Structure formats: structure tokens, C-alpha cells
Amino acid sequence: MYPTLLDLAIFGYIAATGLSLAYLVQREEWLHRLASVATIAGWVLHTVALLGVAFRLGRPPLGSLSEAVSVAVWVAVLWALWAERQYGVKVLGAFVLPVVLVFGINSATTRPLAIPGIERALGSAWIWVHIGLVLLGIAAFVLNFAGALMYVLQERQLKAKRPGKLYYRLPDLETLDRLTYRTLALGFPFLTTGLILGVLWAGRAWGSVFAYDPLALLSFVAWTIYAGTLAGRAAAGWHGRRAAYFAIIGFAALVLTLGAGMFLPGRHGS
């Protein structure tokens, strides 16, 4: 039953993605309304599926990387719905939902890879807090990436002698810069605290914090990029294009991190 609900949620996200992209092109209000309905329907189905898995397993659905990615997708959709209303960026779904869809399909079709030692660790609240905080950070960075991508596209439209249709579809640069900064400031503390707890747990569970693990190593690469971006914005006055490019690079590192965890051998995966 629960896999069926998750499949239905994915179909809802597919419909929402198509409608959001159509709204980006056509700018018809009815398309946006339908996209919102499809997004909410997909999210509700996703919620029921995750709750069902949690009740069946007797624990939060975070015991494997594919489960954790599915929860990150769930949080990202929720925050996208909130951010759309908060900032009035109706085209946000056209940039967030394709990313959500890729992650969602991947988590639904990838064979669950249990984390070694996870059953023993599940009795400790540390591991739940570690995973939960990291997922909240990842979800915020999905929005950070979407805002940065929109900023780069809008800036190019402004520099063109004859702006294309996207110029009239996307928000102004100030709104997009504010969105990328606030999502960075939101996600970074979650990611940082989650990684610190992960290091402490790994030292106790594996005996060595520096044991070879692609996901752990690449996660610190992504953290370094985001830390440098936040420091640049706070101390050096970075904004606009430079900050947007670093946000895109940071998200690319984050995608590589999750890919490494799913497809490369290591303590977080196979």
C-alpha cells in the first residue's frame, strides 16, 4: 500500500512539475492554481506514505539513504510552498519541482541500502537528530539553488539588449538575492549542527571519524563551499552574481555527495 502511495505522490509531483513549467512559459493564472493543487496533493500523499512506513517499521523513515532522501524531498516541497507565499515568487515551483522530482524518483527506485550499525544506533536520539538536521539543511539548499539559478537567468536577461520572455516571468534581482541569502542562512546552521553530531556519532560507532566514506568526505566539501559563501556574504559583502554562482556550485557538490552515498561503497551505503 505504502509503495503505491509513494508512486502516486511521484505522479503528483510529475504533474506539478509540468504545470509549473507551463506556467513559466504561458503565465496563465489557472496553470499556477493547478500546479499548486497538484503539488499539495503530491505532498499529502507523500506524507501519508512516510507515516505509513514509520508505523510499519516502528521508527522514523530514516534508516537508509533512500528513505532519508525521500524525507528531504518532502521537506523541500513543504518549504517551497511556504517560500512561494512568503516571497510571492509564483514561478518558484518551476525551478524547485524538477529537482524534487529527480531526487524523488531516485529515492523511490533505488534499492534501500541500510547503513552499517544503524539498527544498534537507532536507540540513540543522536542519530535521529543528526539525520534530521542534515535533511533540513539539504531541503533549504534546494530552494537556495533555485533562487540562485533564477538570479543568474534574470541577470542575463537584463544584460541582453532585447530581454526574452523569462525577463517578464522572473522576480526582480533584489527579491531573488534576498531569497538565496535567507535560504543559505536557514540551511547552513542545520547542516553544520547535523554534521557535528554525525562526526561525534561516527567516532563512537565506527571508532574513527576519518574512516573512508565518500558521502562523509564529500559532505564536508559541500559544507566548506557553503561556509565560504556565507562568510563572503556576511563579511566581504558578496551578493548578486558571485553569491549565486557559489550557491550553484555548492548544490552541485551536495548532489555529488548524495550520489556517492547511493552508488559508491562506504559506511553510509553498501
Protein backbone atom coordinates (compact mmCIF):
# COMPACT_ATOMS: atom_id res chain seq x y z
CA MET A 1 0.00 0.00 0.00
CA TYR A 2 2.71 2.46 1.00
CA PRO A 3 4.78 1.99 -2.19
CA THR A 4 1.57 2.68 -4.12
CA LEU A 5 1.01 5.91 -2.19
CA LEU A 6 4.59 6.95 -2.85
CA ASP A 7 4.16 6.22 -6.56
CA LEU A 8 1.01 8.35 -6.57
CA ALA A 9 2.92 11.14 -4.84
CA ILE A 10 5.58 10.95 -7.55
CA PHE A 11 2.88 11.20 -10.22
CA GLY A 12 1.53 14.25 -8.39
CA TYR A 13 4.98 15.83 -8.45
CA ILE A 14 5.33 15.00 -12.16
CA ALA A 15 2.02 16.75 -12.90
CA ALA A 16 3.00 19.70 -10.71
CA THR A 17 6.36 19.99 -12.48
CA GLY A 18 4.76 20.02 -15.93
CA LEU A 19 2.15 22.57 -14.90
CA SER A 20 4.74 24.79 -13.21
CA LEU A 21 6.92 24.78 -16.32
CA ALA A 22 3.85 25.54 -18.44
CA TYR A 23 3.05 28.48 -16.14
CA LEU A 24 6.61 29.75 -16.53
CA VAL A 25 6.11 29.83 -20.29
CA GLN A 26 2.45 30.82 -20.60
CA ARG A 27 1.93 32.88 -17.43
CA GLU A 28 -1.70 31.80 -17.17
CA GLU A 29 -3.07 32.01 -13.64
CA TRP A 30 -5.11 28.82 -13.98
CA LEU A 31 -1.92 26.88 -14.68
CA HIS A 32 -0.43 28.15 -11.43
CA ARG A 33 -3.54 27.16 -9.50
CA LEU A 34 -3.49 23.67 -10.99
CA ALA A 35 0.24 23.38 -10.25
CA SER A 36 -0.37 24.34 -6.63
CA VAL A 37 -3.18 21.78 -6.29
CA ALA A 38 -1.01 19.04 -7.82
CA THR A 39 1.92 19.96 -5.57
CA ILE A 40 -0.20 19.89 -2.42
CA ALA A 41 -1.86 16.62 -3.48
CA GLY A 42 1.55 15.04 -4.10
CA TRP A 43 2.82 16.30 -0.76
CA VAL A 44 -0.20 14.97 1.14
CA LEU A 45 0.18 11.55 -0.49
CA HIS A 46 3.89 11.65 0.30
CA THR A 47 3.06 12.49 3.92
CA VAL A 48 0.68 9.55 4.27
CA ALA A 49 3.25 7.22 2.66
CA LEU A 50 6.01 8.31 5.05
CA LEU A 51 3.70 7.97 8.06
CA GLY A 52 2.71 4.51 6.89
CA VAL A 53 6.33 3.44 6.59
CA ALA A 54 7.07 4.87 10.03
CA PHE A 55 4.19 2.96 11.64
CA ARG A 56 5.12 -0.26 9.85
CA LEU A 57 8.79 -0.08 10.84
CA GLY A 58 8.19 1.37 14.27
CA ARG A 59 10.71 4.16 13.67
CA PRO A 60 11.12 7.30 11.55
CA PRO A 61 11.75 6.50 7.86
CA LEU A 62 15.43 7.40 8.08
CA GLY A 63 17.11 4.02 8.35
CA SER A 64 18.53 4.04 4.81
CA LEU A 65 19.82 6.72 2.49
CA SER A 66 16.91 6.31 0.06
CA GLU A 67 14.46 6.83 2.94
CA ALA A 68 16.36 9.91 4.09
CA VAL A 69 16.36 11.41 0.58
CA SER A 70 12.60 10.85 0.36
CA VAL A 71 12.14 12.77 3.62
CA ALA A 72 14.39 15.57 2.30
CA VAL A 73 12.14 15.78 -0.78
CA TRP A 74 9.09 16.00 1.49
CA VAL A 75 10.63 18.88 3.48
CA ALA A 76 11.79 20.69 0.32
CA VAL A 77 8.27 20.66 -1.14
CA LEU A 78 6.81 21.97 2.11
CA TRP A 79 9.35 24.81 2.27
CA ALA A 80 8.83 25.62 -1.41
CA LEU A 81 5.11 26.04 -0.80
CA TRP A 82 5.88 28.32 2.14
CA ALA A 83 8.53 30.34 0.30
CA GLU A 84 6.26 30.87 -2.69
CA ARG A 85 3.72 32.58 -0.47
CA GLN A 86 6.30 34.37 1.66
CA TYR A 87 8.18 35.94 -1.24
CA GLY A 88 5.42 35.99 -3.85
CA VAL A 89 7.58 34.02 -6.31
CA LYS A 90 4.95 32.07 -8.21
CA VAL A 91 7.47 30.60 -10.64
CA LEU A 92 9.49 29.02 -7.82
CA GLY A 93 7.90 25.62 -8.45
CA ALA A 94 9.29 25.56 -11.99
CA PHE A 95 12.80 25.54 -10.54
CA VAL A 96 12.30 23.55 -7.34
CA LEU A 97 9.99 20.77 -8.53
CA PRO A 98 12.28 19.36 -11.27
CA VAL A 99 15.00 18.91 -8.63
CA VAL A 100 12.47 17.41 -6.22
CA LEU A 101 11.25 15.07 -8.95
CA VAL A 102 14.74 13.76 -9.76
CA PHE A 103 15.50 13.10 -6.11
CA GLY A 104 12.05 11.63 -5.50
CA ILE A 105 12.22 9.17 -8.40
CA ASN A 106 15.76 8.21 -7.41
CA SER A 107 14.80 7.51 -3.81
CA ALA A 108 11.73 5.51 -4.91
CA THR A 109 13.61 3.32 -7.40
CA THR A 110 16.96 2.86 -5.63
CA ARG A 111 17.38 -0.29 -3.61
CA PRO A 112 17.45 0.67 0.08
CA LEU A 113 20.99 0.47 1.41
CA ALA A 114 21.00 0.02 5.16
CA ILE A 115 23.64 1.99 6.99
CA PRO A 116 26.01 -0.40 8.77
CA GLY A 117 25.40 -0.37 12.50
CA ILE A 118 22.22 1.67 12.07
CA GLU A 119 19.99 -0.75 13.98
CA ARG A 120 22.24 -0.52 17.02
CA ALA A 121 22.41 3.25 16.70
CA LEU A 122 18.68 3.78 16.29
CA GLY A 123 18.21 3.51 20.01
CA SER A 124 20.11 6.78 20.41
CA ALA A 125 18.48 10.14 19.81
CA TRP A 126 21.80 11.42 18.41
CA ILE A 127 21.42 9.61 15.11
CA TRP A 128 17.85 10.85 14.58
CA VAL A 129 18.84 14.44 15.32
CA HIS A 130 21.92 14.14 13.08
CA ILE A 131 19.93 12.85 10.10
CA GLY A 132 17.00 15.20 10.66
CA LEU A 133 19.13 18.34 10.83
CA VAL A 134 21.13 17.41 7.73
CA LEU A 135 17.90 16.80 5.81
CA LEU A 136 16.52 20.19 6.84
CA GLY A 137 19.73 21.78 5.57
CA ILE A 138 19.53 19.92 2.25
CA ALA A 139 15.90 20.97 1.77
CA ALA A 140 16.82 24.62 2.35
CA PHE A 141 19.65 24.35 -0.15
CA VAL A 142 17.24 23.11 -2.83
CA LEU A 143 15.48 26.47 -2.51
CA ASN A 144 18.85 28.22 -2.35
CA PHE A 145 19.82 26.61 -5.65
CA ALA A 146 16.50 27.53 -7.27
CA GLY A 147 16.86 31.17 -6.21
CA ALA A 148 20.45 31.31 -7.44
CA LEU A 149 19.55 29.79 -10.80
CA MET A 150 16.73 32.28 -11.27
CA TYR A 151 19.11 35.12 -10.34
CA VAL A 152 21.66 34.09 -12.99
CA LEU A 153 18.97 33.76 -15.65
CA GLN A 154 17.35 37.08 -14.78
CA GLU A 155 20.67 38.91 -14.73
CA ARG A 156 21.47 37.61 -18.20
CA GLN A 157 18.06 38.77 -19.37
CA LEU A 158 18.74 42.24 -18.00
CA LYS A 159 22.11 42.42 -19.73
CA ALA A 160 20.67 41.40 -23.07
CA LYS A 161 19.77 44.21 -25.41
CA ARG A 162 16.45 42.52 -26.07
CA PRO A 163 15.28 40.64 -22.96
CA GLY A 164 13.41 37.43 -23.66
CA LYS A 165 10.18 36.14 -22.17
CA LEU A 166 11.86 34.99 -18.96
CA TYR A 167 12.56 38.61 -18.06
CA TYR A 168 8.84 39.16 -17.56
CA ARG A 169 8.37 35.83 -15.78
CA LEU A 170 11.07 36.01 -13.12
CA PRO A 171 11.12 38.24 -9.99
CA ASP A 172 13.47 41.21 -9.69
CA LEU A 173 17.11 40.63 -8.74
CA GLU A 174 16.72 42.09 -5.26
CA THR A 175 13.98 39.60 -4.37
CA LEU A 176 16.00 36.69 -5.73
CA ASP A 177 19.17 37.77 -3.93
CA ARG A 178 17.22 38.05 -0.67
CA LEU A 179 15.75 34.57 -1.23
CA THR A 180 19.16 32.98 -1.82
CA TYR A 181 20.68 34.68 1.22
CA ARG A 182 17.88 33.73 3.60
CA THR A 183 17.74 30.11 2.44
CA LEU A 184 21.53 29.90 2.84
CA ALA A 185 21.32 31.39 6.33
CA LEU A 186 18.50 28.96 7.12
CA GLY A 187 20.12 25.80 5.81
CA PHE A 188 23.71 26.29 6.96
CA PRO A 189 23.12 26.02 10.75
CA PHE A 190 21.08 22.85 10.23
CA LEU A 191 23.79 21.29 8.06
CA THR A 192 26.59 22.35 10.39
CA THR A 193 24.95 21.05 13.56
CA GLY A 194 23.94 17.83 11.83
CA LEU A 195 27.48 17.19 10.59
CA ILE A 196 28.96 17.86 14.02
CA LEU A 197 26.59 15.33 15.58
CA GLY A 198 27.46 12.91 12.78
CA VAL A 199 31.17 13.24 13.50
CA LEU A 200 30.57 12.59 17.21
CA TRP A 201 28.39 9.57 16.46
CA ALA A 202 30.84 8.16 13.89
CA GLY A 203 33.68 8.36 16.37
CA ARG A 204 31.71 6.22 18.82
CA ALA A 205 30.12 3.81 16.32
CA TRP A 206 32.97 3.29 13.83
CA GLY A 207 35.99 4.01 16.01
CA SER A 208 37.39 6.53 13.53
CA VAL A 209 35.88 9.76 12.29
CA PHE A 210 38.22 9.73 9.31
CA ALA A 211 37.34 6.23 8.08
CA TYR A 212 36.93 6.21 4.29
CA ASP A 213 33.38 7.11 3.35
CA PRO A 214 32.57 9.03 0.13
CA LEU A 215 29.38 10.57 1.49
CA ALA A 216 31.08 11.87 4.64
CA LEU A 217 34.10 13.23 2.76
CA LEU A 218 32.05 14.98 0.06
CA SER A 219 29.61 16.36 2.62
CA PHE A 220 32.46 18.31 4.17
CA VAL A 221 33.43 19.60 0.72
CA ALA A 222 29.87 20.88 0.25
CA TRP A 223 29.88 22.33 3.77
CA THR A 224 33.14 24.20 3.02
CA ILE A 225 31.63 25.76 -0.10
CA TYR A 226 28.51 26.89 1.76
CA ALA A 227 30.59 28.13 4.70
CA GLY A 228 32.76 30.19 2.35
CA THR A 229 29.69 31.59 0.61
CA LEU A 230 28.03 32.58 3.87
CA ALA A 231 31.26 34.12 5.17
CA GLY A 232 31.69 36.02 1.90
CA ARG A 233 28.17 37.40 2.11
CA ALA A 234 28.41 38.31 5.79
CA ALA A 235 31.99 39.62 5.97
CA ALA A 236 33.03 40.54 2.44
CA GLY A 237 29.71 41.87 1.19
CA TRP A 238 29.20 39.28 -1.50
CA HIS A 239 25.85 39.48 -3.21
CA GLY A 240 24.26 39.02 -6.57
CA ARG A 241 26.01 37.01 -9.25
CA ARG A 242 29.04 35.87 -7.23
CA ALA A 243 26.89 34.56 -4.40
CA ALA A 244 24.53 32.90 -6.90
CA TYR A 245 27.39 31.08 -8.65
CA PHE A 246 28.73 29.79 -5.34
CA ALA A 247 25.23 28.61 -4.38
CA ILE A 248 25.03 26.63 -7.63
CA ILE A 249 28.50 25.13 -7.07
CA GLY A 250 27.59 24.22 -3.50
CA PHE A 251 24.43 22.46 -4.62
CA ALA A 252 26.37 20.56 -7.29
CA ALA A 253 28.69 19.33 -4.53
CA LEU A 254 25.64 18.34 -2.50
CA VAL A 255 24.24 16.32 -5.41
CA LEU A 256 27.59 14.57 -5.82
CA THR A 257 27.54 13.82 -2.10
CA LEU A 258 24.14 12.11 -2.26
CA GLY A 259 25.12 10.29 -5.44
CA ALA A 260 28.28 9.00 -3.80
CA GLY A 261 26.27 7.77 -0.84
CA MET A 262 23.86 5.86 -3.08
CA PHE A 263 26.21 4.41 -5.68
CA LEU A 264 29.70 4.17 -4.13
CA PRO A 265 30.77 1.74 -1.41
CA GLY A 266 31.11 3.29 2.01
CA ARG A 267 29.87 3.24 5.57
CA HIS A 268 26.72 5.20 4.69
CA GLY A 269 25.75 2.89 1.88
CA SER A 270 26.72 -0.52 0.62
